[in-house]
Protein backbone atom coordinates (compact mmCIF):
# COMPACT_ATOMS: atom_id res chain seq x y z
CA UNK A 1 86.88 95.60 38.23
CA UNK A 2 84.70 96.83 41.04
CA UNK A 3 86.42 97.96 44.20
CA UNK A 4 84.80 98.96 47.38
CA UNK A 5 86.44 100.65 50.27
CA UNK A 6 85.46 99.34 53.63
CA UNK A 7 86.75 100.84 56.82
CA UNK A 8 85.85 98.58 59.68
CA UNK A 9 85.96 100.07 63.13
CA UNK A 10 87.04 103.53 62.06
CA UNK A 11 83.64 105.19 61.92
CA UNK A 12 82.96 107.83 64.53
CA UNK A 13 80.01 107.50 66.86
CA UNK A 14 77.19 109.94 66.22
CA UNK A 15 77.40 113.21 68.13
CA UNK A 16 75.59 113.29 71.47
CA UNK A 17 71.94 114.29 71.33
CA UNK A 18 70.37 116.89 73.58
CA UNK A 19 68.80 114.07 75.59
CA UNK A 20 72.20 112.42 76.07
CA UNK A 21 73.79 115.72 77.11
CA UNK A 22 70.96 116.38 79.60
CA UNK A 23 71.19 112.84 80.97
CA UNK A 24 74.92 113.34 81.47
CA UNK A 25 74.28 116.57 83.38
CA UNK A 26 71.93 114.63 85.67
CA UNK A 27 74.59 111.96 86.18
CA UNK A 28 76.93 114.67 87.54
CA UNK A 29 74.40 116.13 89.99
CA UNK A 30 73.95 114.97 93.58
CA UNK A 31 71.56 114.30 95.08
CA UNK A 32 69.31 112.98 92.33
CA UNK A 33 66.32 114.89 93.64
CA UNK A 34 63.53 116.93 92.04
CA UNK A 35 65.90 119.86 91.57
CA UNK A 36 68.46 117.71 89.75
CA UNK A 37 65.74 116.34 87.47
CA UNK A 38 64.48 119.88 86.89
CA UNK A 39 68.00 121.00 85.89
CA UNK A 40 68.24 118.02 83.55
CA UNK A 41 64.95 119.10 81.94
CA UNK A 42 66.21 122.67 81.55
CA UNK A 43 69.32 121.43 79.74
CA UNK A 44 67.31 119.21 77.40
CA UNK A 45 64.73 121.92 76.64
CA UNK A 46 67.26 124.69 76.07
CA UNK A 47 69.52 122.44 73.99
CA UNK A 48 66.62 121.32 71.81
CA UNK A 49 64.87 124.67 71.44
CA UNK A 50 68.04 126.69 71.00
CA UNK A 51 69.70 124.06 68.80
CA UNK A 52 72.97 123.81 70.65
CA UNK A 53 75.92 122.98 68.41
CA UNK A 54 77.55 119.56 68.47
CA UNK A 55 80.66 121.08 70.04
CA UNK A 56 78.69 122.16 73.13
CA UNK A 57 76.86 118.84 73.48
CA UNK A 58 80.18 117.00 73.11
CA UNK A 59 81.77 119.28 75.70
CA UNK A 60 78.96 118.54 78.17
CA UNK A 61 79.19 114.78 77.68
CA UNK A 62 82.96 115.04 78.09
CA UNK A 63 82.68 116.74 81.47
CA UNK A 64 83.62 114.27 84.17
CA UNK A 65 83.04 116.37 87.27
CA UNK A 66 81.35 119.61 88.26
CA UNK A 67 84.48 120.31 90.30
CA UNK A 68 86.49 120.31 87.07
CA UNK A 69 84.17 122.07 84.58
CA UNK A 70 85.01 122.39 80.92
CA UNK A 71 83.17 125.74 80.67
CA UNK A 72 80.82 124.44 78.01
CA UNK A 73 78.32 127.27 78.60
CA UNK A 74 80.95 129.75 77.42
CA UNK A 75 80.79 128.11 73.99
CA UNK A 76 77.14 129.11 73.59
CA UNK A 77 76.18 132.40 71.93
CA UNK A 78 75.34 135.06 74.53
CA UNK A 79 71.58 135.02 73.84
CA UNK A 80 71.44 131.22 74.04
CA UNK A 81 73.53 131.24 77.22
CA UNK A 82 71.13 133.81 78.65
CA UNK A 83 68.17 131.47 77.96
CA UNK A 84 69.95 128.70 79.84
CA UNK A 85 70.91 130.90 82.78
CA UNK A 86 67.37 132.30 83.07
CA UNK A 87 65.84 128.81 83.06
CA UNK A 88 68.42 127.50 85.56
CA UNK A 89 67.63 130.42 87.87
CA UNK A 90 63.93 129.56 87.62
CA UNK A 91 64.77 125.94 88.48
CA UNK A 92 66.59 127.24 91.57
CA UNK A 93 63.51 129.20 92.61
CA UNK A 94 61.34 126.11 92.15
CA UNK A 95 63.78 124.10 94.29
CA UNK A 96 63.58 126.65 97.09
CA UNK A 97 59.78 126.75 96.85
CA UNK A 98 59.66 122.97 97.24
CA UNK A 99 61.38 123.44 100.61
CA UNK A 100 58.55 125.63 101.93
CA UNK A 101 56.60 123.83 104.68
CA UNK A 102 53.22 122.44 103.61
CA UNK A 103 51.54 124.56 106.28
CA UNK A 104 52.89 127.68 104.55
CA UNK A 105 51.63 126.49 101.16
CA UNK A 106 48.23 125.92 102.83
CA UNK A 107 48.42 129.47 104.19
CA UNK A 108 49.13 130.75 100.67
CA UNK A 109 46.09 128.88 99.33
CA UNK A 110 43.94 130.39 102.09
CA UNK A 111 45.16 133.90 101.27
CA UNK A 112 44.40 133.27 97.59
CA UNK A 113 40.85 132.24 98.48
CA UNK A 114 40.32 135.27 100.72
CA UNK A 115 41.46 137.58 97.92
CA UNK A 116 38.33 136.57 95.99
CA UNK A 117 35.90 137.21 98.88
CA UNK A 118 33.88 140.35 98.18
CA UNK A 119 32.47 140.42 101.73
CA UNK A 120 35.91 141.32 103.09
CA UNK A 121 36.81 144.99 102.56
CA UNK A 122 39.43 145.59 99.89
CA UNK A 123 41.72 147.36 102.36
CA UNK A 124 41.69 144.29 104.62
CA UNK A 125 42.39 142.00 101.65
CA UNK A 126 45.24 144.26 100.54
CA UNK A 127 46.75 144.25 104.04
CA UNK A 128 46.51 140.44 104.24
CA UNK A 129 48.12 140.11 100.84
CA UNK A 130 50.98 142.44 101.80
CA UNK A 131 51.56 140.47 104.99
CA UNK A 132 51.53 137.25 103.02
CA UNK A 133 54.05 138.58 100.49
CA UNK A 134 56.38 139.69 103.29
CA UNK A 135 56.26 136.21 104.85
CA UNK A 136 56.59 134.46 101.52
CA UNK A 137 59.79 136.33 100.70
CA UNK A 138 61.56 134.59 103.57
CA UNK A 139 60.19 131.08 103.12
CA UNK A 140 62.63 129.98 100.44
CA UNK A 141 65.65 130.36 102.71
CA UNK A 142 64.26 128.58 105.77
CA UNK A 143 66.48 126.10 107.59
CA UNK A 144 66.38 124.22 110.89
CA UNK A 145 64.67 126.05 113.74
CA UNK A 146 63.48 128.83 111.45
CA UNK A 147 61.68 126.26 109.31
CA UNK A 148 59.95 124.80 112.38
CA UNK A 149 58.97 128.29 113.55
CA UNK A 150 57.61 129.15 110.10
CA UNK A 151 55.63 125.91 110.08
CA UNK A 152 54.00 126.77 113.41
CA UNK A 153 53.47 130.39 112.37
CA UNK A 154 51.84 129.42 109.10
CA UNK A 155 49.49 127.02 110.87
CA UNK A 156 48.45 129.76 113.28
CA UNK A 157 48.11 132.35 110.50
CA UNK A 158 45.99 129.98 108.42
CA UNK A 159 43.62 129.41 111.31
CA UNK A 160 43.41 133.15 112.05
CA UNK A 161 42.68 133.87 108.39
CA UNK A 162 39.98 131.22 108.27
CA UNK A 163 38.33 132.65 111.39
CA UNK A 164 38.47 136.21 110.01
CA UNK A 165 37.07 135.06 106.68
CA UNK A 166 34.27 133.14 108.37
CA UNK A 167 33.37 136.15 110.54
CA UNK A 168 33.07 138.23 107.35
CA UNK A 169 30.87 135.63 105.67
CA UNK A 170 33.52 134.33 103.26
CA UNK A 171 33.23 130.66 102.40
CA UNK A 172 36.60 128.93 102.15
CA UNK A 173 37.31 125.44 100.95
């Protein structure tokens, strides 16, 4: 006699994939902006490349609120956790850079072009680059009136750079 065991409805669902864990992280983040999507990508990449264990992916999917975390990162080995933290920090930097006014990004492009102009003395290029780096350091934390002031300042600086470059015979795009 042939017997077969059949257990209807008692099978467990498959463990969450890295994509599902990353999608769940995105579902917890507000607003759903470029930074949130970047964080989602970091979670998927790190999970996939570092081969996060099922227990961590399950923990992430089981998290219902960022205000009540389940401390899933703590379940990762230190080196793997370090990869995640490094990539999340880089996502934070990218988010802050996206907040930089367009006029300041245009200024940065102008400085980059001037750095390649051989007609401008190296000392002048170095001084411009140092000034640019000093300004750039503050751009990521701009808010309100400071952002408007930086916007106006970057527009003026771009025009001054273009005029200086032109006077030296440097062709800029």
